[in-house]
Protein backbone atom coordinates (compact mmCIF):
# COMPACT_ATOMS: atom_id res chain seq x y z
CA MET A 1 69.01 55.63 100.00
CA LEU A 2 67.89 51.90 99.16
CA ILE A 3 64.76 51.11 100.60
CA LEU A 4 64.27 47.23 100.86
CA THR A 5 61.48 45.12 102.40
CA ARG A 6 62.58 41.98 104.69
CA LYS A 7 60.81 39.42 106.67
CA ILE A 8 61.89 37.80 109.79
CA ASP A 9 64.83 35.84 109.68
CA GLN A 10 65.46 37.66 106.41
CA SER A 11 68.62 39.67 106.06
CA ILE A 12 71.31 42.08 104.04
CA ILE A 13 74.82 42.02 103.24
CA ILE A 14 76.51 44.71 103.45
CA GLN A 15 80.36 44.99 101.88
CA GLY A 16 80.34 41.43 102.48
CA ASN A 17 81.31 41.83 106.05
CA ILE A 18 78.34 43.11 108.16
CA THR A 19 75.05 41.13 108.16
CA VAL A 20 71.95 42.99 109.48
CA MET A 21 68.94 40.56 110.32
CA VAL A 22 65.11 41.04 111.29
CA LEU A 23 64.72 39.80 114.13
CA GLY A 24 61.37 40.78 114.87
CA VAL A 25 58.39 43.01 114.22
CA GLU A 26 56.29 44.32 117.37
CA ARG A 27 53.57 47.20 116.90
CA ASP A 28 55.43 50.14 115.20
CA ARG A 29 59.00 48.81 116.62
CA VAL A 30 61.80 46.67 114.32
CA LYS A 31 64.24 44.66 116.47
CA LEU A 32 67.67 44.15 114.17
CA GLY A 33 70.51 42.16 114.80
CA ILE A 34 73.97 43.29 113.11
CA ALA A 35 76.90 41.21 112.73
CA ALA A 36 80.35 43.18 112.04
CA PRO A 37 83.64 43.12 112.12
CA GLU A 38 85.01 44.38 115.32
CA ASP A 39 86.79 47.59 113.91
CA ILE A 40 83.35 48.56 112.72
CA THR A 41 81.87 50.94 115.33
CA VAL A 42 77.59 50.59 115.34
CA LEU A 43 75.79 52.90 116.99
CA ARG A 44 72.21 54.30 117.44
CA GLU A 45 71.59 57.95 115.89
CA GLU A 46 71.09 59.56 119.06
CA LEU A 47 74.55 58.66 120.59
CA VAL A 48 76.25 59.95 117.57
CA ASP A 49 78.07 62.99 118.99
CA PRO A 50 76.77 66.12 116.19
CA ASP A 51 80.00 67.80 116.89
CA ALA A 52 82.23 64.67 116.20
CA PRO A 53 84.15 64.80 112.80
CA GLN A 54 82.24 63.71 109.73
CA GLN A 55 83.77 60.58 108.96
CA LEU A 56 82.05 59.51 112.36
CA ARG A 57 78.75 60.80 111.83
CA PRO A 58 76.51 58.81 109.89
CA ARG A 59 75.26 59.95 106.41
CA MET A 60 71.57 61.24 106.50
CA ALA A 61 69.13 61.26 103.81
CA ALA A 62 66.49 64.18 103.68
CA ARG A 63 63.92 61.92 105.20
CA THR A 64 64.70 59.28 107.26
CA ALA A 65 63.05 56.87 109.94
CA PRO A 66 64.39 56.65 113.50
CA SER A 67 67.27 54.17 113.90
CA ALA A 68 66.70 51.01 115.33
CA VAL A 69 70.19 49.62 115.38
CA GLY A 70 72.08 48.75 118.40
CA ASN A 71 74.67 46.12 119.83
CA LEU A 72 72.18 42.69 118.98
CA ALA A 73 73.00 39.51 118.39
CA LEU A 74 71.85 37.49 115.36
CA LYS A 75 69.98 34.52 115.98
CA PRO A 76 71.63 31.15 115.23
CA SER A 77 71.19 29.83 111.74
CA PRO A 78 68.61 27.39 111.07
CA LYS A 79 70.34 23.63 110.52
CA ARG A 80 69.59 22.35 107.33
CA ARG A 81 68.68 18.74 106.76
């Protein structure tokens, strides 16, 4: 498991075509924005059927925090001058 620290409006890029951006932090909740190609399914962990085929289930580490991913839109990038 890779563990990173990100601030609001900072992001990570996965395989060059998936972007995960921190949109906000309130108390114990983190709001994430995920931009991925249409052929990539993004689900909250609690929506994944444990009886689904292995390739459809997320990999679980020994100790993981609850998932906060969902169908969120990314904020537009600030315009540079």
